PDB file of all heavy atoms in Angstrom:
ATOM      1  N   CYS A   1     -16.602  55.301  55.015  1.00  0.00           N
ATOM      2  CA  CYS A   1     -15.760  54.156  55.310  1.00  0.00           C
ATOM      3  C   CYS A   1     -15.894  53.741  56.781  1.00  0.00           C
ATOM      4  O   CYS A   1     -16.623  54.369  57.544  1.00  0.00           O
ATOM      5  CB  CYS A   1     -14.298  54.506  55.015  1.00  0.00           C
ATOM      6  SG  CYS A   1     -13.637  55.790  56.091  1.00  0.00           S
ATOM      7  N   ALA A   2     -15.196  52.684  57.115  1.00  0.00           N
ATOM      8  CA  ALA A   2     -15.142  52.227  58.497  1.00  0.00           C
ATOM      9  C   ALA A   2     -13.822  52.678  59.114  1.00  0.00           C
ATOM     10  O   ALA A   2     -12.778  52.568  58.492  1.00  0.00           O
ATOM     11  CB  ALA A   2     -15.242  50.712  58.548  1.00  0.00           C
ATOM     12  N   ARG A   3     -13.904  53.210  60.299  1.00  0.00           N
ATOM     13  CA  ARG A   3     -12.695  53.499  61.086  1.00  0.00           C
ATOM     14  C   ARG A   3     -12.559  52.325  62.073  1.00  0.00           C
ATOM     15  O   ARG A   3     -13.406  52.136  62.912  1.00  0.00           O
ATOM     16  CB  ARG A   3     -12.833  54.817  61.837  1.00  0.00           C
ATOM     17  CG  ARG A   3     -12.792  56.035  60.932  1.00  0.00           C
ATOM     18  CD  ARG A   3     -12.703  57.301  61.765  1.00  0.00           C
ATOM     19  NE  ARG A   3     -12.844  58.491  60.965  1.00  0.00           N
ATOM     20  CZ  ARG A   3     -11.825  59.224  60.505  1.00  0.00           C
ATOM     21  NH1 ARG A   3     -10.586  58.848  60.736  1.00  0.00           N
ATOM     22  NH2 ARG A   3     -12.049  60.302  59.795  1.00  0.00           N
ATOM     23  N   THR A   4     -11.475  51.577  61.917  1.00  0.00           N
ATOM     24  CA  THR A   4     -11.255  50.381  62.724  1.00  0.00           C
ATOM     25  C   THR A   4      -9.821  50.342  63.237  1.00  0.00           C
ATOM     26  O   THR A   4      -8.980  51.148  62.810  1.00  0.00           O
ATOM     27  CB  THR A   4     -11.522  49.100  61.912  1.00  0.00           C
ATOM     28  OG1 THR A   4     -10.553  49.014  60.863  1.00  0.00           O
ATOM     29  CG2 THR A   4     -12.920  49.096  61.323  1.00  0.00           C
ATOM     30  N   LYS A   5      -9.518  49.405  64.109  1.00  0.00           N
ATOM     31  CA  LYS A   5      -8.187  49.287  64.674  1.00  0.00           C
ATOM     32  C   LYS A   5      -7.124  49.091  63.594  1.00  0.00           C
ATOM     33  O   LYS A   5      -5.985  49.509  63.780  1.00  0.00           O
ATOM     34  CB  LYS A   5      -8.135  48.110  65.650  1.00  0.00           C
ATOM     35  CG  LYS A   5      -8.867  48.363  66.934  1.00  0.00           C
ATOM     36  CD  LYS A   5      -8.788  47.151  67.840  1.00  0.00           C
ATOM     37  CE  LYS A   5      -9.479  47.388  69.138  1.00  0.00           C
ATOM     38  NZ  LYS A   5     -10.914  47.165  69.118  1.00  0.00           N
ATOM     39  N   ASP A   6      -7.488  48.452  62.500  1.00  0.00           N
ATOM     40  CA  ASP A   6      -6.518  48.196  61.438  1.00  0.00           C
ATOM     41  C   ASP A   6      -6.687  49.111  60.219  1.00  0.00           C
ATOM     42  O   ASP A   6      -6.196  48.830  59.145  1.00  0.00           O
ATOM     43  CB  ASP A   6      -6.526  46.724  61.028  1.00  0.00           C
ATOM     44  CG  ASP A   6      -7.841  46.266  60.486  1.00  0.00           C
ATOM     45  OD1 ASP A   6      -8.832  47.014  60.541  1.00  0.00           O
ATOM     46  OD2 ASP A   6      -7.906  45.119  59.975  1.00  0.00           O
ATOM     47  N   SER A   7      -7.416  50.215  60.400  1.00  0.00           N
ATOM     48  CA  SER A   7      -7.555  51.195  59.314  1.00  0.00           C
ATOM     49  C   SER A   7      -6.203  51.821  59.006  1.00  0.00           C
ATOM     50  O   SER A   7      -5.313  51.816  59.834  1.00  0.00           O
ATOM     51  CB  SER A   7      -8.538  52.301  59.708  1.00  0.00           C
ATOM     52  OG  SER A   7      -9.846  51.824  59.834  1.00  0.00           O
ATOM     53  N   GLY A   8      -6.113  52.412  57.845  1.00  0.00           N
ATOM     54  CA  GLY A   8      -4.857  53.058  57.495  1.00  0.00           C
ATOM     55  C   GLY A   8      -5.072  54.274  56.619  1.00  0.00           C
ATOM     56  O   GLY A   8      -6.096  54.929  56.692  1.00  0.00           O
ATOM     57  N   ASP A   9      -4.064  54.555  55.797  1.00  0.00           N
ATOM     58  CA  ASP A   9      -4.087  55.730  54.928  1.00  0.00           C
ATOM     59  C   ASP A   9      -4.479  55.336  53.519  1.00  0.00           C
ATOM     60  O   ASP A   9      -4.122  54.267  53.026  1.00  0.00           O
ATOM     61  CB  ASP A   9      -2.719  56.395  54.892  1.00  0.00           C
ATOM     62  CG  ASP A   9      -2.330  56.962  56.227  1.00  0.00           C
ATOM     63  OD1 ASP A   9      -3.216  57.205  57.074  1.00  0.00           O
ATOM     64  OD2 ASP A   9      -1.130  57.189  56.440  1.00  0.00           O
ATOM     65  N   ILE A  10      -5.172  56.246  52.859  1.00  0.00           N
ATOM     66  CA  ILE A  10      -5.539  56.070  51.453  1.00  0.00           C
ATOM     67  C   ILE A  10      -4.936  57.225  50.684  1.00  0.00           C
ATOM     68  O   ILE A  10      -5.071  58.388  51.051  1.00  0.00           O
ATOM     69  CB  ILE A  10      -7.062  56.058  51.269  1.00  0.00           C
ATOM     70  CG1 ILE A  10      -7.659  54.855  51.989  1.00  0.00           C
ATOM     71  CG2 ILE A  10      -7.426  56.050  49.794  1.00  0.00           C
ATOM     72  CD1 ILE A  10      -9.162  54.788  51.937  1.00  0.00           C
ATOM     73  N   LEU A  11      -4.222  56.882  49.623  1.00  0.00           N
ATOM     74  CA  LEU A  11      -3.678  57.878  48.711  1.00  0.00           C
ATOM     75  C   LEU A  11      -4.677  58.032  47.579  1.00  0.00           C
ATOM     76  O   LEU A  11      -5.267  57.039  47.127  1.00  0.00           O
ATOM     77  CB  LEU A  11      -2.331  57.419  48.178  1.00  0.00           C
ATOM     78  CG  LEU A  11      -1.281  57.126  49.256  1.00  0.00           C
ATOM     79  CD1 LEU A  11      -0.081  56.421  48.671  1.00  0.00           C
ATOM     80  CD2 LEU A  11      -0.872  58.398  49.933  1.00  0.00           C
ATOM     81  N   PHE A  12      -4.891  59.251  47.136  1.00  0.00           N
ATOM     82  CA  PHE A  12      -5.851  59.457  46.064  1.00  0.00           C
ATOM     83  C   PHE A  12      -5.419  60.576  45.129  1.00  0.00           C
ATOM     84  O   PHE A  12      -4.668  61.480  45.510  1.00  0.00           O
ATOM     85  CB  PHE A  12      -7.265  59.727  46.635  1.00  0.00           C
ATOM     86  CG  PHE A  12      -7.398  61.069  47.304  1.00  0.00           C
ATOM     87  CD1 PHE A  12      -7.903  62.162  46.613  1.00  0.00           C
ATOM     88  CD2 PHE A  12      -6.999  61.247  48.616  1.00  0.00           C
ATOM     89  CE1 PHE A  12      -8.022  63.397  47.225  1.00  0.00           C
ATOM     90  CE2 PHE A  12      -7.122  62.473  49.235  1.00  0.00           C
ATOM     91  CZ  PHE A  12      -7.632  63.551  48.532  1.00  0.00           C
ATOM     92  N   SER A  13      -5.914  60.484  43.932  1.00  0.00           N
ATOM     93  CA  SER A  13      -5.662  61.494  42.906  1.00  0.00           C
ATOM     94  C   SER A  13      -6.969  61.777  42.193  1.00  0.00           C
ATOM     95  O   SER A  13      -7.706  60.850  41.840  1.00  0.00           O
ATOM     96  CB  SER A  13      -4.622  60.975  41.907  1.00  0.00           C
ATOM     97  OG  SER A  13      -4.513  61.854  40.804  1.00  0.00           O
ATOM     98  N   ILE A  14      -7.274  63.052  42.008  1.00  0.00           N
ATOM     99  CA  ILE A  14      -8.486  63.442  41.300  1.00  0.00           C
ATOM    100  C   ILE A  14      -8.058  64.148  40.010  1.00  0.00           C
ATOM    101  O   ILE A  14      -7.267  65.084  40.031  1.00  0.00           O
ATOM    102  CB  ILE A  14      -9.351  64.405  42.122  1.00  0.00           C
ATOM    103  CG1 ILE A  14      -9.795  63.721  43.418  1.00  0.00           C
ATOM    104  CG2 ILE A  14     -10.581  64.865  41.335  1.00  0.00           C
ATOM    105  CD1 ILE A  14     -10.561  64.599  44.378  1.00  0.00           C
ATOM    106  N   ASP A  15      -8.516  63.599  38.890  1.00  0.00           N
ATOM    107  CA  ASP A  15      -8.223  64.164  37.565  1.00  0.00           C
ATOM    108  C   ASP A  15      -6.731  64.289  37.298  1.00  0.00           C
ATOM    109  O   ASP A  15      -6.265  65.248  36.709  1.00  0.00           O
ATOM    110  CB  ASP A  15      -8.903  65.530  37.389  1.00  0.00           C
ATOM    111  CG  ASP A  15     -10.420  65.429  37.444  1.00  0.00           C
ATOM    112  OD1 ASP A  15     -10.964  64.354  37.118  1.00  0.00           O
ATOM    113  OD2 ASP A  15     -11.062  66.419  37.848  1.00  0.00           O
ATOM    114  N   GLY A  16      -5.957  63.311  37.749  1.00  0.00           N
ATOM    115  CA  GLY A  16      -4.532  63.281  37.473  1.00  0.00           C
ATOM    116  C   GLY A  16      -3.686  64.186  38.353  1.00  0.00           C
ATOM    117  O   GLY A  16      -2.500  64.365  38.116  1.00  0.00           O
ATOM    118  N   SER A  17      -4.279  64.759  39.400  1.00  0.00           N
ATOM    119  CA  SER A  17      -3.521  65.623  40.314  1.00  0.00           C
ATOM    120  C   SER A  17      -2.491  64.771  41.062  1.00  0.00           C
ATOM    121  O   SER A  17      -2.591  63.559  41.111  1.00  0.00           O
ATOM    122  CB  SER A  17      -4.472  66.302  41.290  1.00  0.00           C
ATOM    123  OG  SER A  17      -5.056  65.307  42.149  1.00  0.00           O
ATOM    124  N   PRO A  18      -1.488  65.421  41.675  1.00  0.00           N
ATOM    125  CA  PRO A  18      -0.556  64.668  42.525  1.00  0.00           C
ATOM    126  C   PRO A  18      -1.322  63.951  43.640  1.00  0.00           C
ATOM    127  O   PRO A  18      -2.347  64.455  44.117  1.00  0.00           O
ATOM    128  CB  PRO A  18       0.358  65.746  43.108  1.00  0.00           C
ATOM    129  CG  PRO A  18       0.256  66.891  42.146  1.00  0.00           C
ATOM    130  CD  PRO A  18      -1.134  66.855  41.609  1.00  0.00           C
ATOM    131  N   GLU A  19      -0.823  62.801  44.053  1.00  0.00           N
ATOM    132  CA  GLU A  19      -1.506  62.045  45.108  1.00  0.00           C
ATOM    133  C   GLU A  19      -1.543  62.836  46.408  1.00  0.00           C
ATOM    134  O   GLU A  19      -0.583  63.457  46.791  1.00  0.00           O
ATOM    135  CB  GLU A  19      -0.792  60.711  45.369  1.00  0.00           C
ATOM    136  CG  GLU A  19      -1.175  59.606  44.441  1.00  0.00           C
ATOM    137  CD  GLU A  19      -0.608  58.276  44.851  1.00  0.00           C
ATOM    138  OE1 GLU A  19       0.484  58.229  45.449  1.00  0.00           O
ATOM    139  OE2 GLU A  19      -1.258  57.258  44.548  1.00  0.00           O
ATOM    140  N   ALA A  20      -2.682  62.745  47.067  1.00  0.00           N
ATOM    141  CA  ALA A  20      -2.848  63.301  48.415  1.00  0.00           C
ATOM    142  C   ALA A  20      -3.158  62.119  49.333  1.00  0.00           C
ATOM    143  O   ALA A  20      -3.460  61.018  48.867  1.00  0.00           O
ATOM    144  CB  ALA A  20      -3.983  64.313  48.426  1.00  0.00           C
ATOM    145  N   CYS A  21      -3.101  62.349  50.629  1.00  0.00           N
ATOM    146  CA  CYS A  21      -3.285  61.266  51.593  1.00  0.00           C
ATOM    147  C   CYS A  21      -4.377  61.639  52.582  1.00  0.00           C
ATOM    148  O   CYS A  21      -4.415  62.772  53.073  1.00  0.00           O
ATOM    149  CB  CYS A  21      -1.975  61.006  52.329  1.00  0.00           C
ATOM    150  SG  CYS A  21      -2.063  59.662  53.514  1.00  0.00           S
ATOM    151  N   VAL A  22      -5.266  60.692  52.860  1.00  0.00           N
ATOM    152  CA  VAL A  22      -6.244  60.839  53.938  1.00  0.00           C
ATOM    153  C   VAL A  22      -6.120  59.617  54.841  1.00  0.00           C
ATOM    154  O   VAL A  22      -5.821  58.507  54.385  1.00  0.00           O
ATOM    155  CB  VAL A  22      -7.708  60.988  53.448  1.00  0.00           C
ATOM    156  CG1 VAL A  22      -7.895  62.278  52.692  1.00  0.00           C
ATOM    157  CG2 VAL A  22      -8.135  59.795  52.627  1.00  0.00           C
ATOM    158  N   SER A  23      -6.329  59.826  56.124  1.00  0.00           N
ATOM    159  CA  SER A  23      -6.247  58.732  57.063  1.00  0.00           C
ATOM    160  C   SER A  23      -7.654  58.273  57.436  1.00  0.00           C
ATOM    161  O   SER A  23      -8.533  59.102  57.654  1.00  0.00           O
ATOM    162  CB  SER A  23      -5.509  59.153  58.338  1.00  0.00           C
ATOM    163  OG  SER A  23      -5.443  58.083  59.236  1.00  0.00           O
ATOM    164  N   THR A  24      -7.838  56.975  57.523  1.00  0.00           N
ATOM    165  CA  THR A  24      -9.120  56.440  57.990  1.00  0.00           C
ATOM    166  C   THR A  24      -8.970  55.956  59.439  1.00  0.00           C
ATOM    167  O   THR A  24      -9.860  55.303  59.961  1.00  0.00           O
ATOM    168  CB  THR A  24      -9.618  55.299  57.086  1.00  0.00           C
ATOM    169  OG1 THR A  24      -8.655  54.225  57.115  1.00  0.00           O
ATOM    170  CG2 THR A  24      -9.829  55.775  55.677  1.00  0.00           C
ATOM    171  N   TRP A  25      -7.856  56.285  60.065  1.00  0.00           N
ATOM    172  CA  TRP A  25      -7.581  55.878  61.447  1.00  0.00           C
ATOM    173  C   TRP A  25      -7.466  57.111  62.321  1.00  0.00           C
ATOM    174  O   TRP A  25      -6.989  58.164  61.903  1.00  0.00           O
ATOM    175  CB  TRP A  25      -6.272  55.086  61.511  1.00  0.00           C
ATOM    176  CG  TRP A  25      -6.032  54.440  62.828  1.00  0.00           C
ATOM    177  CD1 TRP A  25      -6.431  53.186  63.198  1.00  0.00           C
ATOM    178  CD2 TRP A  25      -5.400  55.021  63.975  1.00  0.00           C
ATOM    179  NE1 TRP A  25      -6.045  52.935  64.507  1.00  0.00           N
ATOM    180  CE2 TRP A  25      -5.416  54.032  65.010  1.00  0.00           C
ATOM    181  CE3 TRP A  25      -4.799  56.234  64.251  1.00  0.00           C
ATOM    182  CZ2 TRP A  25      -4.883  54.251  66.266  1.00  0.00           C
ATOM    183  CZ3 TRP A  25      -4.271  56.461  65.508  1.00  0.00           C
ATOM    184  CH2 TRP A  25      -4.296  55.471  66.510  1.00  0.00           C
ATOM    185  N   ASP A  26      -7.931  56.982  63.555  1.00  0.00           N
ATOM    186  CA  ASP A  26      -7.698  58.020  64.571  1.00  0.00           C
ATOM    187  C   ASP A  26      -7.576  57.329  65.929  1.00  0.00           C
ATOM    188  O   ASP A  26      -7.756  56.126  66.045  1.00  0.00           O
ATOM    189  CB  ASP A  26      -8.779  59.101  64.551  1.00  0.00           C
ATOM    190  CG  ASP A  26     -10.167  58.588  64.863  1.00  0.00           C
ATOM    191  OD1 ASP A  26     -10.315  57.519  65.493  1.00  0.00           O
ATOM    192  OD2 ASP A  26     -11.135  59.258  64.462  1.00  0.00           O
ATOM    193  N   LYS A  27      -7.271  58.085  66.971  1.00  0.00           N
ATOM    194  CA  LYS A  27      -7.004  57.498  68.288  1.00  0.00           C
ATOM    195  C   LYS A  27      -8.219  56.752  68.853  1.00  0.00           C
ATOM    196  O   LYS A  27      -8.072  55.849  69.658  1.00  0.00           O
ATOM    197  CB  LYS A  27      -6.530  58.557  69.263  1.00  0.00           C
ATOM    198  CG  LYS A  27      -7.556  59.614  69.586  1.00  0.00           C
ATOM    199  CD  LYS A  27      -6.994  60.648  70.534  1.00  0.00           C
ATOM    200  CE  LYS A  27      -8.053  61.712  70.854  1.00  0.00           C
ATOM    201  NZ  LYS A  27      -7.530  62.696  71.763  1.00  0.00           N
ATOM    202  N   TYR A  28      -9.429  57.121  68.432  1.00  0.00           N
ATOM    203  CA  TYR A  28     -10.639  56.445  68.947  1.00  0.00           C
ATOM    204  C   TYR A  28     -10.782  55.045  68.395  1.00  0.00           C
ATOM    205  O   TYR A  28     -11.495  54.226  68.951  1.00  0.00           O
ATOM    206  CB  TYR A  28     -11.870  57.300  68.622  1.00  0.00           C
ATOM    207  CG  TYR A  28     -11.755  58.688  69.204  1.00  0.00           C
ATOM    208  CD1 TYR A  28     -11.507  59.781  68.370  1.00  0.00           C
ATOM    209  CD2 TYR A  28     -11.865  58.908  70.573  1.00  0.00           C
ATOM    210  CE1 TYR A  28     -11.382  61.050  68.905  1.00  0.00           C
ATOM    211  CE2 TYR A  28     -11.722  60.175  71.111  1.00  0.00           C
ATOM    212  CZ  TYR A  28     -11.478  61.255  70.260  1.00  0.00           C
ATOM    213  OH  TYR A  28     -11.336  62.508  70.791  1.00  0.00           O
ATOM    214  N   CYS A  29     -10.063  54.742  67.302  1.00  0.00           N
ATOM    215  CA  CYS A  29     -10.105  53.390  66.731  1.00  0.00           C
ATOM    216  C   CYS A  29      -9.565  52.348  67.717  1.00  0.00           C
ATOM    217  O   CYS A  29      -9.865  51.150  67.582  1.00  0.00           O
ATOM    218  CB  CYS A  29      -9.311  53.347  65.429  1.00  0.00           C
ATOM    219  SG  CYS A  29     -10.031  54.290  64.087  1.00  0.00           S
ATOM    220  N   LEU A  30      -8.735  52.764  68.658  1.00  0.00           N
ATOM    221  CA  LEU A  30      -8.200  51.842  69.647  1.00  0.00           C
ATOM    222  C   LEU A  30      -9.311  51.278  70.541  1.00  0.00           C
ATOM    223  O   LEU A  30      -9.165  50.179  71.084  1.00  0.00           O
ATOM    224  CB  LEU A  30      -7.129  52.523  70.506  1.00  0.00           C
ATOM    225  CG  LEU A  30      -5.873  52.981  69.783  1.00  0.00           C
ATOM    226  CD1 LEU A  30      -4.994  53.797  70.696  1.00  0.00           C
ATOM    227  CD2 LEU A  30      -5.123  51.755  69.236  1.00  0.00           C
ATOM    228  N   ASN A  31     -10.395  52.025  70.673  1.00  0.00           N
ATOM    229  CA  ASN A  31     -11.463  51.615  71.578  1.00  0.00           C
ATOM    230  C   ASN A  31     -12.727  51.075  70.896  1.00  0.00           C
ATOM    231  O   ASN A  31     -13.433  50.267  71.467  1.00  0.00           O
ATOM    232  CB  ASN A  31     -11.859  52.790  72.483  1.00  0.00           C
ATOM    233  CG  ASN A  31     -10.707  53.236  73.337  1.00  0.00           C
ATOM    234  OD1 ASN A  31     -10.017  52.409  73.923  1.00  0.00           O
ATOM    235  ND2 ASN A  31     -10.480  54.528  73.391  1.00  0.00           N
ATOM    236  N   PHE A  32     -13.027  51.548  69.675  1.00  0.00           N
ATOM    237  CA  PHE A  32     -14.218  51.070  69.003  1.00  0.00           C
ATOM    238  C   PHE A  32     -14.173  51.361  67.501  1.00  0.00           C
ATOM    239  O   PHE A  32     -13.533  52.308  67.056  1.00  0.00           O
ATOM    240  CB  PHE A  32     -15.492  51.677  69.627  1.00  0.00           C
ATOM    241  CG  PHE A  32     -15.548  53.177  69.625  1.00  0.00           C
ATOM    242  CD1 PHE A  32     -16.139  53.851  68.588  1.00  0.00           C
ATOM    243  CD2 PHE A  32     -14.993  53.904  70.661  1.00  0.00           C
ATOM    244  CE1 PHE A  32     -16.192  55.247  68.577  1.00  0.00           C
ATOM    245  CE2 PHE A  32     -15.054  55.296  70.670  1.00  0.00           C
ATOM    246  CZ  PHE A  32     -15.648  55.964  69.624  1.00  0.00           C
ATOM    247  N   ASP A  33     -14.867  50.515  66.752  1.00  0.00           N
ATOM    248  CA  ASP A  33     -15.021  50.697  65.303  1.00  0.00           C
ATOM    249  C   ASP A  33     -16.273  51.532  65.063  1.00  0.00           C
ATOM    250  O   ASP A  33     -17.219  51.494  65.845  1.00  0.00           O
ATOM    251  CB  ASP A  33     -15.216  49.350  64.608  1.00  0.00           C
ATOM    252  CG  ASP A  33     -14.030  48.427  64.769  1.00  0.00           C
ATOM    253  OD1 ASP A  33     -12.953  48.900  65.149  1.00  0.00           O
ATOM    254  OD2 ASP A  33     -14.186  47.224  64.507  1.00  0.00           O
ATOM    255  N   ARG A  34     -16.256  52.276  63.955  1.00  0.00           N
ATOM    256  CA  ARG A  34     -17.431  53.085  63.624  1.00  0.00           C
ATOM    257  C   ARG A  34     -17.373  53.528  62.171  1.00  0.00           C
ATOM    258  O   ARG A  34     -16.290  53.593  61.583  1.00  0.00           O
ATOM    259  CB  ARG A  34     -17.517  54.297  64.538  1.00  0.00           C
ATOM    260  CG  ARG A  34     -16.385  55.282  64.313  1.00  0.00           C
ATOM    261  CD  ARG A  34     -16.212  56.187  65.498  1.00  0.00           C
ATOM    262  NE  ARG A  34     -15.266  57.252  65.209  1.00  0.00           N
ATOM    263  CZ  ARG A  34     -13.932  57.088  65.220  1.00  0.00           C
ATOM    264  NH1 ARG A  34     -13.408  55.907  65.472  1.00  0.00           N
ATOM    265  NH2 ARG A  34     -13.142  58.109  64.960  1.00  0.00           N
ATOM    266  N   PRO A  35     -18.521  53.877  61.594  1.00  0.00           N
ATOM    267  CA  PRO A  35     -18.519  54.434  60.256  1.00  0.00           C
ATOM    268  C   PRO A  35     -18.066  55.881  60.288  1.00  0.00           C
ATOM    269  O   PRO A  35     -18.203  56.549  61.316  1.00  0.00           O
ATOM    270  CB  PRO A  35     -19.970  54.299  59.797  1.00  0.00           C
ATOM    271  CG  PRO A  35     -20.748  54.321  61.065  1.00  0.00           C
ATOM    272  CD  PRO A  35     -19.861  53.709  62.118  1.00  0.00           C
ATOM    273  N   ALA A  36     -17.553  56.369  59.187  1.00  0.00           N
ATOM    274  CA  ALA A  36     -17.077  57.768  59.126  1.00  0.00           C
ATOM    275  C   ALA A  36     -17.179  58.294  57.698  1.00  0.00           C
ATOM    276  O   ALA A  36     -17.120  57.525  56.751  1.00  0.00           O
ATOM    277  CB  ALA A  36     -15.638  57.870  59.592  1.00  0.00           C
ATOM    278  N   ILE A  37     -17.313  59.573  57.595  1.00  0.00           N
ATOM    279  CA  ILE A  37     -17.248  60.248  56.308  1.00  0.00           C
ATOM    280  C   ILE A  37     -15.929  61.014  56.272  1.00  0.00           C
ATOM    281  O   ILE A  37     -15.656  61.832  57.142  1.00  0.00           O
ATOM    282  CB  ILE A  37     -18.430  61.204  56.108  1.00  0.00           C
ATOM    283  CG1 ILE A  37     -19.734  60.409  56.053  1.00  0.00           C
ATOM    284  CG2 ILE A  37     -18.240  62.019  54.835  1.00  0.00           C
ATOM    285  CD1 ILE A  37     -20.983  61.262  56.018  1.00  0.00           C
ATOM    286  N   VAL A  38     -15.092  60.684  55.287  1.00  0.00           N
ATOM    287  CA  VAL A  38     -13.778  61.299  55.148  1.00  0.00           C
ATOM    288  C   VAL A  38     -13.785  62.164  53.888  1.00  0.00           C
ATOM    289  O   VAL A  38     -13.991  61.660  52.788  1.00  0.00           O
ATOM    290  CB  VAL A  38     -12.681  60.216  55.045  1.00  0.00           C
ATOM    291  CG1 VAL A  38     -11.323  60.855  54.851  1.00  0.00           C
ATOM    292  CG2 VAL A  38     -12.697  59.335  56.284  1.00  0.00           C
ATOM    293  N   PRO A  39     -13.601  63.482  54.015  1.00  0.00           N
ATOM    294  CA  PRO A  39     -13.599  64.352  52.838  1.00  0.00           C
ATOM    295  C   PRO A  39     -12.350  64.101  51.978  1.00  0.00           C
ATOM    296  O   PRO A  39     -11.233  63.983  52.497  1.00  0.00           O
ATOM    297  CB  PRO A  39     -13.598  65.757  53.414  1.00  0.00           C
ATOM    298  CG  PRO A  39     -13.160  65.622  54.814  1.00  0.00           C
ATOM    299  CD  PRO A  39     -13.414  64.228  55.256  1.00  0.00           C
ATOM    300  N   PHE A  40     -12.551  64.004  50.671  1.00  0.00           N
ATOM    301  CA  PHE A  40     -11.452  63.808  49.722  1.00  0.00           C
ATOM    302  C   PHE A  40     -11.113  65.057  48.951  1.00  0.00           C
ATOM    303  O   PHE A  40     -10.027  65.170  48.420  1.00  0.00           O
ATOM    304  CB  PHE A  40     -11.860  62.737  48.707  1.00  0.00           C
ATOM    305  CG  PHE A  40     -11.380  61.370  49.057  1.00  0.00           C
ATOM    306  CD1 PHE A  40     -11.450  60.905  50.358  1.00  0.00           C
ATOM    307  CD2 PHE A  40     -10.882  60.531  48.095  1.00  0.00           C
ATOM    308  CE1 PHE A  40     -11.017  59.615  50.677  1.00  0.00           C
ATOM    309  CE2 PHE A  40     -10.454  59.268  48.408  1.00  0.00           C
ATOM    310  CZ  PHE A  40     -10.512  58.810  49.699  1.00  0.00           C
ATOM    311  N   SER A  41     -12.047  65.977  48.835  1.00  0.00           N
ATOM    312  CA  SER A  41     -11.767  67.125  47.979  1.00  0.00           C
ATOM    313  C   SER A  41     -12.482  68.370  48.471  1.00  0.00           C
ATOM    314  O   SER A  41     -13.554  68.274  49.080  1.00  0.00           O
ATOM    315  CB  SER A  41     -12.230  66.842  46.545  1.00  0.00           C
ATOM    316  OG  SER A  41     -13.646  66.810  46.501  1.00  0.00           O
ATOM    317  N   PRO A  42     -11.908  69.526  48.167  1.00  0.00           N
ATOM    318  CA  PRO A  42     -12.671  70.752  48.320  1.00  0.00           C
ATOM    319  C   PRO A  42     -13.672  70.762  47.150  1.00  0.00           C
ATOM    320  O   PRO A  42     -13.717  69.811  46.373  1.00  0.00           O
ATOM    321  CB  PRO A  42     -11.611  71.841  48.158  1.00  0.00           C
ATOM    322  CG  PRO A  42     -10.569  71.194  47.323  1.00  0.00           C
ATOM    323  CD  PRO A  42     -10.569  69.746  47.666  1.00  0.00           C
ATOM    324  N   TRP A  43     -14.397  71.783  47.026  1.00  0.00           N
ATOM    325  CA  TRP A  43     -15.345  71.849  45.921  1.00  0.00           C
ATOM    326  C   TRP A  43     -14.608  71.826  44.597  1.00  0.00           C
ATOM    327  O   TRP A  43     -13.655  72.567  44.403  1.00  0.00           O
ATOM    328  CB  TRP A  43     -16.222  73.098  46.037  1.00  0.00           C
ATOM    329  CG  TRP A  43     -17.140  72.992  47.209  1.00  0.00           C
ATOM    330  CD1 TRP A  43     -16.975  73.586  48.423  1.00  0.00           C
ATOM    331  CD2 TRP A  43     -18.313  72.202  47.318  1.00  0.00           C
ATOM    332  NE1 TRP A  43     -17.976  73.238  49.277  1.00  0.00           N
ATOM    333  CE2 TRP A  43     -18.822  72.385  48.606  1.00  0.00           C
ATOM    334  CE3 TRP A  43     -18.990  71.377  46.439  1.00  0.00           C
ATOM    335  CZ2 TRP A  43     -19.989  71.755  49.044  1.00  0.00           C
ATOM    336  CZ3 TRP A  43     -20.142  70.751  46.877  1.00  0.00           C
ATOM    337  CH2 TRP A  43     -20.622  70.949  48.172  1.00  0.00           C
ATOM    338  N   LEU A  44     -15.052  70.972  43.705  1.00  0.00           N
ATOM    339  CA  LEU A  44     -14.482  70.855  42.364  1.00  0.00           C
ATOM    340  C   LEU A  44     -15.356  71.618  41.398  1.00  0.00           C
ATOM    341  O   LEU A  44     -16.504  71.961  41.718  1.00  0.00           O
ATOM    342  CB  LEU A  44     -14.440  69.375  41.947  1.00  0.00           C
ATOM    343  CG  LEU A  44     -13.654  68.449  42.865  1.00  0.00           C
ATOM    344  CD1 LEU A  44     -13.987  66.990  42.532  1.00  0.00           C
ATOM    345  CD2 LEU A  44     -12.167  68.697  42.699  1.00  0.00           C
ATOM    346  N   SER A  45     -14.877  71.856  40.195  1.00  0.00           N
ATOM    347  CA  SER A  45     -15.733  72.445  39.185  1.00  0.00           C
ATOM    348  C   SER A  45     -16.801  71.412  38.810  1.00  0.00           C
ATOM    349  O   SER A  45     -16.559  70.202  38.857  1.00  0.00           O
ATOM    350  CB  SER A  45     -14.909  72.833  37.952  1.00  0.00           C
ATOM    351  OG  SER A  45     -14.285  71.702  37.387  1.00  0.00           O
TER     352      SER A  45
END
């Protein structure tokens, strides 16, 4: 994804699990936009 000044949080569910939250924003977004890899899951079966 892109980390940008207006990035936010994404809620996600894998295989019907309770929703979890990951942020696509961090303090560096105040200074510059950039691509990022955000992990969503530990190893699944």
